[in-house]
Amino acid sequence: MTTEVNPRLNSNSDGMIPAIARVSLTDLTKTEFVKRYQKTGTPVILTGLLEGKSEWDLDFLVEKLGDRKFLMRQYGKERYQQDKREWESIGSGVKADYKTFREYGELLRSREAHEKDIYLAKCSINETPLKQEAALQEARKKIIAFGLDKPISHFNIWVGPGGHVECLHYDQMDGTLIQLYGTKKIVLFPSSQTSNLYPFPILVHFYRGLKLRSWFSQLYPEKPDMQAFPNYKKALPYKQEILLAPGEILYIPAGWWHEVTALGDDMVCSINRFWRVYPTWRAIFSWSRWRGYLGSAFAIPYVIASLIFALFSRDRQQKIKEILQML
């Protein structure tokens, strides 16, 4: 059963910045998108991709992906009770195991995936039948038509149980998040609030490689420790909260912080893709992007050492794949 939510919720805690706009795909021109959103680095929700009920439910995904293997991240519910500063992994650095999608489907149906917070995240669908699905083909055409025409990644699928949280972080590239089944709550902050959101220090990459990331926040935006993170109160007037429903696409400019929560009790499915940042000056003058790249550079010695150890391990193929999945 899926919890009823209002897909039109779109709020700002203090009214300091305008609420994120919702614009129909049929009403948006390339000129308007570039001028209002891409050049200014402003998020926007694009509506009207799907007509009627979404077909992207669990049965549909099992039929299309079946015995193809994917890395399933093993988050575990207990981690969200911990101080993030005690975490040893985050994002794609979390321990993962290979399973077929059919096996994952059974974990979702039995609710083991809910209980252990097992998540299929950021897996390319380029070599799967999903690539040719009408909804994705339509999304691709629409996205290219309004100006995002230089992708730097394939379409990636994200599937998980209701209740799963992708913790507060930002990306170094522009992104589009296409919601196909279920609803997600997304909390956003502009890049200007980076210091007030307490990202992990860049030096963490020297001793954790890419298991921890300097573009993730150390605080929980919904239950912050204000004694440990007192400047978070300065970020609160800039906080935005939206619900993304099936058939909606969220454009997330590089550097915008976002925390994504799958709502309800059912499976939730999204597709994302990353794009070159345009105009170029927006990429060059973004400190958030540079600190992310600097952190990745600091991780290189650790990653190289991990690859060397993996080469001499018994299950070297899987270990190498796990390391490459983090990149």
Protein backbone atom coordinates (compact mmCIF):
# COMPACT_ATOMS: atom_id res chain seq x y z
CA MET A 1 0.00 0.00 0.00
CA THR A 2 1.29 3.46 -0.89
CA THR A 3 0.86 6.39 1.46
CA GLU A 4 -1.25 9.22 0.01
CA VAL A 5 0.78 12.38 -0.52
CA ASN A 6 0.12 15.75 -2.05
CA PRO A 7 2.35 15.95 -5.15
CA ARG A 8 1.89 19.72 -5.32
CA LEU A 9 3.64 20.51 -2.02
CA ASN A 10 6.38 23.05 -2.68
CA SER A 11 7.49 25.12 0.25
CA ASN A 12 10.16 27.46 1.51
CA SER A 13 10.54 27.80 5.26
CA ASP A 14 10.83 31.58 5.37
CA GLY A 15 9.88 32.96 2.00
CA MET A 16 13.40 34.37 1.53
CA ILE A 17 13.73 32.80 -1.91
CA PRO A 18 10.97 32.00 -4.42
CA ALA A 19 9.48 28.52 -4.30
CA ILE A 20 10.73 26.14 -6.96
CA ALA A 21 8.55 26.53 -10.04
CA ARG A 22 6.46 23.80 -11.64
CA VAL A 23 6.28 24.15 -15.42
CA SER A 24 4.52 21.93 -17.95
CA LEU A 25 6.84 20.35 -20.49
CA THR A 26 4.45 21.47 -23.22
CA ASP A 27 4.71 25.11 -22.12
CA LEU A 28 8.49 25.36 -21.79
CA THR A 29 10.63 26.55 -24.69
CA LYS A 30 14.38 26.15 -24.98
CA THR A 31 14.84 29.92 -24.78
CA GLU A 32 12.85 30.14 -21.55
CA PHE A 33 14.62 27.16 -19.95
CA VAL A 34 18.09 28.48 -20.75
CA LYS A 35 17.29 32.03 -19.63
CA ARG A 36 15.32 31.29 -16.45
CA TYR A 37 16.89 28.10 -15.15
CA GLN A 38 20.08 26.91 -16.86
CA LYS A 39 21.96 30.23 -16.98
CA THR A 40 20.91 31.16 -13.46
CA GLY A 41 21.46 27.68 -12.00
CA THR A 42 17.89 27.52 -10.69
CA PRO A 43 16.01 24.25 -10.05
CA VAL A 44 12.68 23.67 -11.78
CA ILE A 45 10.09 20.89 -11.80
CA LEU A 46 8.91 19.87 -15.26
CA THR A 47 5.51 18.20 -15.35
CA GLY A 48 3.46 16.15 -17.79
CA LEU A 49 5.84 13.39 -18.88
CA LEU A 50 3.42 10.53 -18.16
CA GLU A 51 -0.27 10.37 -18.96
CA GLY A 52 -2.39 8.27 -16.63
CA LYS A 53 -1.05 5.55 -14.34
CA SER A 54 2.68 4.76 -14.42
CA GLU A 55 3.60 1.32 -15.74
CA TRP A 56 6.96 1.27 -13.96
CA ASP A 57 5.89 -0.93 -11.05
CA LEU A 58 7.83 -3.86 -9.60
CA ASP A 59 6.31 -6.47 -11.92
CA PHE A 60 7.26 -4.34 -14.93
CA LEU A 61 10.85 -3.91 -13.74
CA VAL A 62 11.27 -7.62 -12.96
CA GLU A 63 9.99 -8.45 -16.44
CA LYS A 64 12.42 -6.03 -18.10
CA LEU A 65 15.50 -6.56 -15.92
CA GLY A 66 14.97 -10.15 -14.71
CA ASP A 67 18.28 -11.96 -14.35
CA ARG A 68 20.54 -8.99 -15.00
CA LYS A 69 22.86 -8.38 -12.06
CA PHE A 70 23.21 -5.08 -10.22
CA LEU A 71 25.11 -3.86 -7.18
CA MET A 72 22.71 -3.50 -4.25
CA ARG A 73 23.81 -1.10 -1.54
CA GLN A 74 23.42 -2.52 1.97
CA TYR A 75 22.64 0.60 4.01
CA GLY A 76 21.00 -0.85 7.11
CA LYS A 77 18.41 1.12 9.08
CA GLU A 78 20.66 1.56 12.11
CA ARG A 79 23.04 3.94 10.32
CA TYR A 80 20.44 6.74 10.46
CA GLN A 81 20.51 6.59 14.26
CA GLN A 82 24.24 7.31 14.26
CA ASP A 83 26.13 10.58 14.20
CA LYS A 84 27.25 10.91 10.58
CA ARG A 85 30.71 11.91 11.78
CA GLU A 86 31.07 8.29 12.93
CA TRP A 87 30.20 6.87 9.51
CA GLU A 88 32.88 4.99 7.59
CA SER A 89 31.02 4.97 4.27
CA ILE A 90 28.43 6.99 2.40
CA GLY A 91 26.70 6.98 -1.01
CA SER A 92 28.33 4.56 -3.43
CA GLY A 93 31.00 3.85 -0.79
CA VAL A 94 28.47 1.78 1.18
CA LYS A 95 29.01 -1.99 1.15
CA ALA A 96 27.26 -3.58 -1.83
CA ASP A 97 26.47 -7.09 -3.11
CA TYR A 98 25.62 -8.30 -6.60
CA LYS A 99 22.11 -9.67 -7.06
CA THR A 100 19.83 -10.22 -10.01
CA PHE A 101 16.93 -7.81 -10.22
CA ARG A 102 14.59 -10.78 -9.83
CA GLU A 103 16.25 -11.56 -6.47
CA TYR A 104 15.93 -7.92 -5.46
CA GLY A 105 12.27 -7.99 -6.39
CA GLU A 106 11.76 -10.82 -3.92
CA LEU A 107 13.53 -8.81 -1.21
CA LEU A 108 11.14 -5.92 -1.87
CA ARG A 109 8.07 -8.17 -1.82
CA SER A 110 9.13 -9.92 1.37
CA ARG A 111 10.00 -6.51 2.90
CA GLU A 112 13.53 -7.61 3.73
CA ALA A 113 14.71 -4.72 1.55
CA HIS A 114 12.65 -2.35 3.71
CA GLU A 115 13.90 -3.82 6.99
CA LYS A 116 17.59 -3.78 5.94
CA ASP A 117 17.35 -0.70 3.70
CA ILE A 118 18.75 -2.44 0.60
CA TYR A 119 18.91 -0.05 -2.33
CA LEU A 120 19.67 -0.29 -6.04
CA ALA A 121 21.31 3.03 -6.87
CA LYS A 122 22.96 4.74 -9.83
CA CYS A 123 23.07 1.67 -12.10
CA SER A 124 23.26 2.30 -15.84
CA ILE A 125 20.37 0.98 -17.94
CA ASN A 126 22.24 1.56 -21.19
CA GLU A 127 22.52 -2.18 -21.92
CA THR A 128 19.00 -3.06 -20.79
CA PRO A 129 15.57 -3.08 -22.50
CA LEU A 130 14.55 -0.09 -20.35
CA LYS A 131 16.63 2.19 -22.55
CA GLN A 132 14.03 1.84 -25.31
CA GLU A 133 10.97 2.40 -23.13
CA ALA A 134 8.59 5.06 -24.42
CA ALA A 135 8.67 7.17 -21.25
CA LEU A 136 12.45 7.42 -21.32
CA GLN A 137 12.60 8.10 -25.04
CA GLU A 138 10.04 10.86 -24.56
CA ALA A 139 11.96 12.28 -21.60
CA ARG A 140 15.18 12.22 -23.60
CA LYS A 141 13.61 14.13 -26.49
CA LYS A 142 11.98 16.69 -24.21
CA ILE A 143 15.14 17.27 -22.18
CA ILE A 144 17.30 17.73 -25.28
CA ALA A 145 14.66 20.02 -26.81
CA PHE A 146 14.85 22.49 -23.95
CA GLY A 147 18.64 22.73 -23.99
CA LEU A 148 20.30 19.87 -22.09
CA ASP A 149 22.04 18.21 -25.03
CA LYS A 150 25.49 17.26 -23.69
CA PRO A 151 25.11 14.27 -21.33
CA ILE A 152 28.10 13.08 -19.32
CA SER A 153 26.48 9.88 -18.08
CA HIS A 154 24.05 7.22 -19.22
CA PHE A 155 20.56 7.03 -17.76
CA ASN A 156 20.90 5.53 -14.26
CA ILE A 157 18.14 3.71 -12.41
CA TRP A 158 17.37 4.12 -8.71
CA VAL A 159 15.00 1.58 -7.12
CA GLY A 160 14.31 1.13 -3.44
CA PRO A 161 11.83 0.69 -0.62
CA GLY A 162 9.67 3.46 0.75
CA GLY A 163 11.45 5.14 3.63
CA HIS A 164 14.91 5.06 2.07
CA VAL A 165 16.90 8.30 2.35
CA GLU A 166 19.72 9.47 0.10
CA CYS A 167 21.39 11.85 2.52
CA LEU A 168 22.06 15.53 1.92
CA HIS A 169 24.69 16.08 -0.78
CA TYR A 170 25.39 17.94 -3.99
CA ASP A 171 26.63 16.91 -7.45
CA GLN A 172 29.34 18.56 -9.52
CA MET A 173 27.27 18.36 -12.70
CA ASP A 174 23.76 19.44 -13.64
CA GLY A 175 21.27 16.63 -13.15
CA THR A 176 17.76 15.61 -14.10
CA LEU A 177 15.76 13.30 -11.85
CA ILE A 178 12.87 11.59 -13.64
CA GLN A 179 10.23 10.19 -11.30
CA LEU A 180 8.53 7.08 -12.72
CA TYR A 181 6.88 5.21 -9.82
CA GLY A 182 6.05 6.36 -6.31
CA THR A 183 6.75 9.78 -4.87
CA LYS A 184 9.90 11.33 -3.45
CA LYS A 185 10.30 14.17 -0.99
CA ILE A 186 13.30 16.32 -1.82
CA VAL A 187 14.84 18.92 0.47
CA LEU A 188 17.06 21.44 -1.34
CA PHE A 189 19.49 24.23 -0.45
CA PRO A 190 21.40 26.50 -2.85
CA SER A 191 25.18 26.16 -3.15
CA SER A 192 25.59 29.48 -1.32
CA GLN A 193 24.79 27.56 1.89
CA THR A 194 27.61 25.03 1.57
CA SER A 195 29.55 26.19 4.62
CA ASN A 196 26.37 26.31 6.73
CA LEU A 197 25.57 22.69 5.83
CA TYR A 198 28.86 21.33 7.22
CA PRO A 199 30.16 19.11 4.41
CA PHE A 200 32.68 16.42 5.25
CA PRO A 201 36.20 17.90 5.07
CA ILE A 202 38.15 17.46 1.85
CA LEU A 203 40.96 15.70 3.73
CA VAL A 204 38.62 12.78 4.50
CA HIS A 205 39.51 11.42 1.04
CA PHE A 206 43.14 10.81 2.06
CA TYR A 207 42.18 8.09 4.53
CA ARG A 208 38.74 6.98 3.21
CA GLY A 209 39.21 7.33 -0.54
CA LEU A 210 35.72 7.56 -2.02
CA LYS A 211 34.03 5.62 0.77
CA LEU A 212 33.28 8.99 2.35
CA ARG A 213 32.58 12.08 0.25
CA SER A 214 33.36 15.74 0.87
CA TRP A 215 30.18 16.68 -1.02
CA PHE A 216 27.94 15.09 1.63
CA SER A 217 26.69 16.97 4.68
CA GLN A 218 27.55 15.82 8.20
CA LEU A 219 24.15 16.87 9.55
CA TYR A 220 20.59 15.59 9.27
CA PRO A 221 18.52 18.47 7.84
CA GLU A 222 15.27 17.17 9.38
CA LYS A 223 16.74 16.51 12.86
CA PRO A 224 19.89 18.62 13.16
CA ASP A 225 22.15 18.75 16.19
CA MET A 226 22.17 22.53 16.58
CA GLN A 227 24.86 22.43 19.25
CA ALA A 228 27.25 20.60 16.93
CA PHE A 229 26.18 22.56 13.82
CA PRO A 230 25.09 26.03 15.02
CA ASN A 231 25.41 27.75 11.63
CA TYR A 232 22.74 25.49 10.16
CA LYS A 233 20.17 28.02 11.38
CA LYS A 234 21.58 30.43 8.77
CA ALA A 235 20.74 27.94 6.01
CA LEU A 236 17.14 27.33 7.11
CA PRO A 237 15.65 30.41 5.36
CA TYR A 238 16.96 28.96 2.08
CA LYS A 239 15.51 25.50 2.59
CA GLN A 240 13.11 24.26 -0.08
CA GLU A 241 10.95 21.15 0.14
CA ILE A 242 9.13 19.55 -2.79
CA LEU A 243 7.31 16.33 -3.60
CA LEU A 244 8.20 14.79 -6.96
CA ALA A 245 5.38 12.65 -8.40
CA PRO A 246 5.40 10.15 -11.31
CA GLY A 247 5.74 11.95 -14.63
CA GLU A 248 7.70 14.86 -13.16
CA ILE A 249 11.32 15.77 -13.83
CA LEU A 250 13.44 17.80 -11.41
CA TYR A 251 16.31 19.82 -12.87
CA ILE A 252 19.02 20.06 -10.19
CA PRO A 253 21.81 22.51 -11.08
CA ALA A 254 25.38 21.65 -10.09
CA GLY A 255 26.15 22.55 -6.49
CA TRP A 256 22.55 22.50 -5.24
CA TRP A 257 22.27 20.43 -2.07
CA HIS A 258 19.50 17.84 -2.04
CA GLU A 259 18.28 15.08 0.27
CA VAL A 260 15.93 12.55 -1.34
CA THR A 261 13.43 10.45 0.64
CA ALA A 262 11.28 7.70 -0.92
CA LEU A 263 7.76 8.09 0.47
CA GLY A 264 5.08 5.52 1.20
CA ASP A 265 5.36 1.81 1.79
CA ASP A 266 5.81 0.63 -1.79
CA MET A 267 8.75 0.44 -4.17
CA VAL A 268 9.90 3.79 -5.59
CA CYS A 269 11.65 4.12 -8.97
CA SER A 270 13.49 7.02 -10.58
CA ILE A 271 15.90 7.57 -13.45
CA ASN A 272 18.58 10.24 -13.45
CA ARG A 273 21.18 11.60 -15.84
CA PHE A 274 24.03 14.09 -15.51
CA TRP A 275 24.80 16.89 -17.96
CA ARG A 276 27.61 19.31 -18.75
CA VAL A 277 27.28 22.55 -16.81
CA TYR A 278 26.36 25.46 -19.06
CA PRO A 279 27.20 28.28 -19.40
CA THR A 280 30.87 27.48 -18.79
CA TRP A 281 31.34 30.38 -16.40
CA ARG A 282 28.82 28.76 -14.05
CA ALA A 283 31.11 25.72 -13.88
CA ILE A 284 34.33 27.71 -13.52
CA PHE A 285 33.18 29.99 -10.72
CA SER A 286 31.58 27.33 -8.51
CA TRP A 287 33.59 26.67 -5.35
CA SER A 288 31.35 23.71 -4.55
CA ARG A 289 32.38 22.00 -7.79
CA TRP A 290 36.07 22.71 -7.26
CA ARG A 291 36.08 21.37 -3.70
CA GLY A 292 34.41 18.20 -5.00
CA TYR A 293 37.05 17.72 -7.68
CA LEU A 294 39.81 18.48 -5.19
CA GLY A 295 38.42 15.83 -2.87
CA SER A 296 38.37 13.30 -5.73
CA ALA A 297 42.00 14.14 -6.51
CA PHE A 298 42.95 13.55 -2.87
CA ALA A 299 41.27 10.12 -3.10
CA ILE A 300 43.50 8.92 -5.97
CA PRO A 301 46.30 7.36 -3.81
CA TYR A 302 43.74 5.44 -1.73
CA VAL A 303 41.87 4.23 -4.84
CA ILE A 304 45.11 3.07 -6.53
CA ALA A 305 46.16 1.18 -3.41
CA SER A 306 42.70 -0.43 -3.21
CA LEU A 307 42.93 -1.55 -6.84
CA ILE A 308 46.36 -3.10 -6.23
CA PHE A 309 45.04 -5.07 -3.23
CA ALA A 310 41.99 -6.11 -5.26
CA LEU A 311 44.21 -7.51 -8.04
CA PHE A 312 45.74 -9.97 -5.58
CA SER A 313 42.51 -11.02 -3.88
CA ARG A 314 40.59 -14.22 -4.62
CA ASP A 315 37.44 -12.42 -5.78
CA ARG A 316 39.35 -9.72 -7.61
CA GLN A 317 36.79 -9.21 -10.38
CA GLN A 318 34.00 -8.34 -7.97
CA LYS A 319 36.25 -6.16 -5.80
CA ILE A 320 37.46 -4.22 -8.84
CA LYS A 321 33.86 -3.72 -10.00
CA GLU A 322 32.93 -2.44 -6.53
CA ILE A 323 35.80 0.05 -6.60
CA LEU A 324 34.91 1.24 -10.10
CA GLN A 325 31.27 1.62 -9.06
CA MET A 326 32.37 4.30 -6.59
CA LEU A 327 33.98 6.48 -9.26
